[in-house]
C-alpha atoms as a PDB file:
ATOM      1  CA  MET A   1      74.179  74.822  24.970  1.00  0.00           C
ATOM      2  CA  LYS A   2      76.945  76.494  23.060  1.00  0.00           C
ATOM      3  CA  GLU A   3      78.453  75.774  19.633  1.00  0.00           C
ATOM      4  CA  TYR A   4      82.161  76.009  18.877  1.00  0.00           C
ATOM      5  CA  GLU A   5      83.504  76.063  15.328  1.00  0.00           C
ATOM      6  CA  VAL A   6      86.594  73.878  15.561  1.00  0.00           C
ATOM      7  CA  ALA A   7      87.638  72.927  12.019  1.00  0.00           C
ATOM      8  CA  LYS A   8      86.705  72.879   8.364  1.00  0.00           C
ATOM      9  CA  VAL A   9      85.413  69.717   6.688  1.00  0.00           C
ATOM     10  CA  LYS A  10      88.463  69.687   4.373  1.00  0.00           C
ATOM     11  CA  ASP A  11      90.762  69.612   7.427  1.00  0.00           C
ATOM     12  CA  ILE A  12      89.715  66.039   8.342  1.00  0.00           C
ATOM     13  CA  PRO A  13      89.570  63.682   5.326  1.00  0.00           C
ATOM     14  CA  PRO A  14      87.686  60.354   5.553  1.00  0.00           C
ATOM     15  CA  GLY A  15      89.540  57.917   7.797  1.00  0.00           C
ATOM     16  CA  GLU A  16      91.411  60.702   9.589  1.00  0.00           C
ATOM     17  CA  SER A  17      91.089  62.396  12.973  1.00  0.00           C
ATOM     18  CA  LYS A  18      92.104  65.646  14.604  1.00  0.00           C
ATOM     19  CA  CYS A  19      92.397  66.933  18.155  1.00  0.00           C
ATOM     20  CA  VAL A  20      90.756  70.305  18.748  1.00  0.00           C
ATOM     21  CA  ASP A  21      90.266  72.525  21.775  1.00  0.00           C
ATOM     22  CA  VAL A  22      86.662  72.989  22.884  1.00  0.00           C
ATOM     23  CA  ASP A  23      86.389  75.486  25.721  1.00  0.00           C
ATOM     24  CA  GLY A  24      89.667  74.242  27.199  1.00  0.00           C
ATOM     25  CA  ASP A  25      88.999  70.511  26.729  1.00  0.00           C
ATOM     26  CA  PRO A  26      90.776  68.337  24.129  1.00  0.00           C
ATOM     27  CA  VAL A  27      88.239  66.727  21.774  1.00  0.00           C
ATOM     28  CA  ALA A  28      89.001  64.155  19.068  1.00  0.00           C
ATOM     29  CA  ILE A  29      87.025  64.524  15.843  1.00  0.00           C
ATOM     30  CA  PHE A  30      86.857  61.505  13.545  1.00  0.00           C
ATOM     31  CA  ASN A  31      85.680  61.356   9.935  1.00  0.00           C
ATOM     32  CA  LEU A  32      84.150  57.922   9.366  1.00  0.00           C
ATOM     33  CA  ASP A  33      83.192  57.683   5.689  1.00  0.00           C
ATOM     34  CA  GLY A  34      82.034  61.300   5.580  1.00  0.00           C
ATOM     35  CA  GLN A  35      80.250  61.289   8.943  1.00  0.00           C
ATOM     36  CA  PHE A  36      81.874  63.242  11.758  1.00  0.00           C
ATOM     37  CA  TYR A  37      81.965  62.101  15.384  1.00  0.00           C
ATOM     38  CA  ALA A  38      83.549  63.674  18.450  1.00  0.00           C
ATOM     39  CA  ILE A  39      84.707  62.141  21.710  1.00  0.00           C
ATOM     40  CA  SER A  40      86.994  63.240  24.495  1.00  0.00           C
ATOM     41  CA  ASP A  41      90.566  63.031  23.199  1.00  0.00           C
ATOM     42  CA  THR A  42      91.795  61.689  26.535  1.00  0.00           C
ATOM     43  CA  CYS A  43      91.842  57.943  27.189  1.00  0.00           C
ATOM     44  CA  THR A  44      90.161  57.109  30.498  1.00  0.00           C
ATOM     45  CA  HIS A  45      93.002  54.759  31.400  1.00  0.00           C
ATOM     46  CA  ALA A  46      96.236  56.724  31.053  1.00  0.00           C
ATOM     47  CA  GLN A  47      95.379  60.110  29.513  1.00  0.00           C
ATOM     48  CA  ALA A  48      96.824  59.338  26.070  1.00  0.00           C
ATOM     49  CA  SER A  49      95.542  61.168  22.980  1.00  0.00           C
ATOM     50  CA  LEU A  50      92.868  59.100  21.211  1.00  0.00           C
ATOM     51  CA  SER A  51      93.102  61.220  18.056  1.00  0.00           C
ATOM     52  CA  GLU A  52      96.561  59.655  17.624  1.00  0.00           C
ATOM     53  CA  GLY A  53      95.144  56.131  17.887  1.00  0.00           C
ATOM     54  CA  PHE A  54      94.476  53.513  15.213  1.00  0.00           C
ATOM     55  CA  VAL A  55      90.923  53.486  13.818  1.00  0.00           C
ATOM     56  CA  GLU A  56      89.236  50.424  12.361  1.00  0.00           C
ATOM     57  CA  GLU A  57      85.511  49.823  11.822  1.00  0.00           C
ATOM     58  CA  GLY A  58      84.459  52.699  14.077  1.00  0.00           C
ATOM     59  CA  ILE A  59      86.712  51.694  16.964  1.00  0.00           C
ATOM     60  CA  VAL A  60      89.721  53.732  18.055  1.00  0.00           C
ATOM     61  CA  THR A  61      92.612  51.977  19.782  1.00  0.00           C
ATOM     62  CA  CYS A  62      94.557  54.049  22.279  1.00  0.00           C
ATOM     63  CA  PRO A  63      98.190  54.329  21.155  1.00  0.00           C
ATOM     64  CA  LEU A  64      99.555  53.906  24.681  1.00  0.00           C
ATOM     65  CA  HIS A  65      98.101  50.667  26.115  1.00  0.00           C
ATOM     66  CA  GLY A  66      95.591  49.457  23.512  1.00  0.00           C
ATOM     67  CA  ALA A  67      92.286  50.319  25.198  1.00  0.00           C
ATOM     68  CA  GLN A  68      89.501  50.554  22.624  1.00  0.00           C
ATOM     69  CA  PHE A  69      86.531  52.919  22.359  1.00  0.00           C
ATOM     70  CA  ASP A  70      83.500  53.052  20.085  1.00  0.00           C
ATOM     71  CA  ILE A  71      83.816  56.383  18.248  1.00  0.00           C
ATOM     72  CA  LYS A  72      80.039  56.771  17.851  1.00  0.00           C
ATOM     73  CA  THR A  73      79.045  56.057  21.468  1.00  0.00           C
ATOM     74  CA  GLY A  74      82.224  56.588  23.514  1.00  0.00           C
ATOM     75  CA  LYS A  75      81.768  53.133  25.054  1.00  0.00           C
ATOM     76  CA  ASN A  76      84.915  51.488  26.387  1.00  0.00           C
ATOM     77  CA  MET A  77      85.239  48.219  24.498  1.00  0.00           C
ATOM     78  CA  THR A  78      88.332  46.694  26.128  1.00  0.00           C
ATOM     79  CA  MET A  79      90.458  47.035  29.208  1.00  0.00           C
ATOM     80  CA  PRO A  80      92.490  48.709  30.510  1.00  0.00           C
ATOM     81  CA  ALA A  81      89.980  51.566  30.002  1.00  0.00           C
ATOM     82  CA  PRO A  82      87.691  51.463  33.056  1.00  0.00           C
ATOM     83  CA  VAL A  83      84.947  53.800  31.803  1.00  0.00           C
ATOM     84  CA  PRO A  84      83.632  55.321  28.544  1.00  0.00           C
ATOM     85  CA  VAL A  85      84.778  58.645  27.115  1.00  0.00           C
ATOM     86  CA  GLN A  86      82.472  61.624  26.722  1.00  0.00           C
ATOM     87  CA  THR A  87      80.785  62.106  23.359  1.00  0.00           C
ATOM     88  CA  TYR A  88      79.912  65.431  21.754  1.00  0.00           C
ATOM     89  CA  THR A  89      77.289  66.479  19.230  1.00  0.00           C
ATOM     90  CA  VAL A  90      78.810  67.450  15.883  1.00  0.00           C
ATOM     91  CA  LYS A  91      77.085  69.854  13.489  1.00  0.00           C
ATOM     92  CA  ILE A  92      78.183  70.578   9.937  1.00  0.00           C
ATOM     93  CA  GLU A  93      77.182  74.003   8.659  1.00  0.00           C
ATOM     94  CA  GLY A  94      78.498  74.694   5.185  1.00  0.00           C
ATOM     95  CA  ASP A  95      82.160  73.754   5.428  1.00  0.00           C
ATOM     96  CA  ALA A  96      82.381  74.348   9.192  1.00  0.00           C
ATOM     97  CA  ILE A  97      82.582  71.600  11.797  1.00  0.00           C
ATOM     98  CA  LYS A  98      80.970  72.661  15.058  1.00  0.00           C
ATOM     99  CA  ILE A  99      80.906  70.954  18.443  1.00  0.00           C
ATOM    100  CA  VAL A 100      77.930  71.486  20.736  1.00  0.00           C
ATOM    101  CA  VAL A 101      78.487  71.499  24.510  1.00  0.00           C
END
C-alpha cells in the first residue's frame, strides 16, 4: 500500500469536494461535516466528474445524468449507474490529506 498526499485540509471546506490525481487516477474527495471520504471521480455510467456533482446527506448526484452514489461506501444508489464506484482510504496527518492505495 502506498500513501499519496493530495491536498490540505483547508483546501476542502465542509460541504465541498475536490478532484485530485492519485497515481494517474482521478479521485473525488468530499468533506462531510469535517470527515473526509474519497471515491473514484468518474461516474460508472457516462464518465462524468462526481466531484462536480450535487451533494446532499452523504449522496453525490452525477451532474450529467443524475446517477447517485453513497460517498461513504461508493454504492450506486440509482440508475443509470450500473455499478458502484471505487472507494479509497483517507488519512489525515496534521493538515495533510492522504489517500491510501
